[in-house]
Amino acid sequence: MKSVQISLQMANQVKSFVSIVQKYSYDIDLRSDRYVVDAKSILGIFSLDLSKPITVEIHSNDCQDLIEELKQFA
């Protein structure tokens, strides 16, 4: 598993993020404090406190291409 910190502060960023992660077949979670949601769920993401940095937990070791795509949200 790999982790990356991101920031999603506007609705269009959330939409763009979800469209990126939905292309990948492995599980991807978002963690904010004690809450964990599926990164492919727009409603789940909006249930998080988006004013704070969010940790993306990628459940794959072969995910360098996804990490590159997520750098725009760093």
Protein backbone atom coordinates (compact mmCIF):
# COMPACT_ATOMS: atom_id res chain seq x y z
CA MET A 1 0.00 0.00 0.00
CA LYS A 2 1.18 3.51 -0.82
CA SER A 3 -0.03 6.84 0.55
CA VAL A 4 -0.10 10.33 -0.94
CA GLN A 5 -1.30 13.63 0.56
CA ILE A 6 -3.68 15.70 -1.57
CA SER A 7 -5.97 18.69 -1.25
CA LEU A 8 -9.45 18.87 -2.80
CA GLN A 9 -11.02 22.25 -2.12
CA MET A 10 -13.36 22.84 -5.04
CA ALA A 11 -16.13 20.70 -6.53
CA ASN A 12 -14.47 20.60 -9.96
CA GLN A 13 -11.30 19.20 -8.33
CA VAL A 14 -13.34 16.42 -6.71
CA LYS A 15 -14.96 15.58 -10.05
CA SER A 16 -11.58 15.50 -11.80
CA PHE A 17 -10.06 13.37 -9.01
CA VAL A 18 -12.88 10.80 -9.18
CA SER A 19 -12.63 10.54 -12.97
CA ILE A 20 -8.90 9.78 -12.61
CA VAL A 21 -9.18 7.14 -9.88
CA GLN A 22 -12.09 5.33 -11.55
CA LYS A 23 -9.73 4.29 -14.37
CA TYR A 24 -7.79 2.03 -11.98
CA SER A 25 -9.04 -1.40 -10.93
CA TYR A 26 -7.38 -1.59 -7.51
CA ASP A 27 -8.89 -0.23 -4.30
CA ILE A 28 -8.20 3.39 -3.41
CA ASP A 29 -9.35 4.99 -0.15
CA LEU A 30 -9.33 8.51 1.22
CA ARG A 31 -8.53 9.09 4.89
CA SER A 32 -9.29 12.29 6.79
CA ASP A 33 -8.75 12.08 10.54
CA ARG A 34 -10.58 8.91 11.59
CA TYR A 35 -12.86 8.72 8.54
CA VAL A 36 -12.14 6.50 5.53
CA VAL A 37 -14.16 6.57 2.30
CA ASP A 38 -13.90 4.95 -1.12
CA ALA A 39 -11.98 7.36 -3.39
CA LYS A 40 -14.23 6.43 -6.30
CA SER A 41 -17.34 7.76 -4.49
CA ILE A 42 -18.15 11.43 -5.06
CA LEU A 43 -20.68 11.42 -2.20
CA GLY A 44 -18.15 9.79 0.09
CA ILE A 45 -15.58 12.47 -0.70
CA PHE A 46 -18.04 15.28 0.01
CA SER A 47 -18.70 13.74 3.43
CA LEU A 48 -15.08 14.49 4.40
CA ASP A 49 -13.72 17.77 5.75
CA LEU A 50 -12.18 19.11 2.53
CA SER A 51 -10.59 22.09 4.26
CA LYS A 52 -7.85 19.76 5.57
CA PRO A 53 -5.29 17.70 3.63
CA ILE A 54 -6.52 14.22 2.70
CA THR A 55 -4.47 11.02 2.54
CA VAL A 56 -4.95 8.81 -0.50
CA GLU A 57 -4.30 5.15 0.35
CA ILE A 58 -3.58 3.09 -2.76
CA HIS A 59 -3.89 -0.66 -2.25
CA SER A 60 -1.39 -1.63 -4.92
CA ASN A 61 2.38 -1.57 -5.25
CA ASP A 62 2.27 -0.96 -9.01
CA CYS A 63 0.66 2.49 -8.96
CA GLN A 64 3.32 4.94 -10.11
CA ASP A 65 1.14 6.07 -13.03
CA LEU A 66 -1.70 6.98 -10.65
CA ILE A 67 0.69 8.84 -8.34
CA GLU A 68 1.90 10.89 -11.32
CA GLU A 69 -1.70 11.82 -12.21
CA LEU A 70 -2.45 12.83 -8.61
CA LYS A 71 0.46 15.30 -8.40
CA GLN A 72 -1.87 18.05 -9.66
CA PHE A 73 -3.76 17.78 -6.35
CA ALA A 74 -0.66 17.89 -4.11
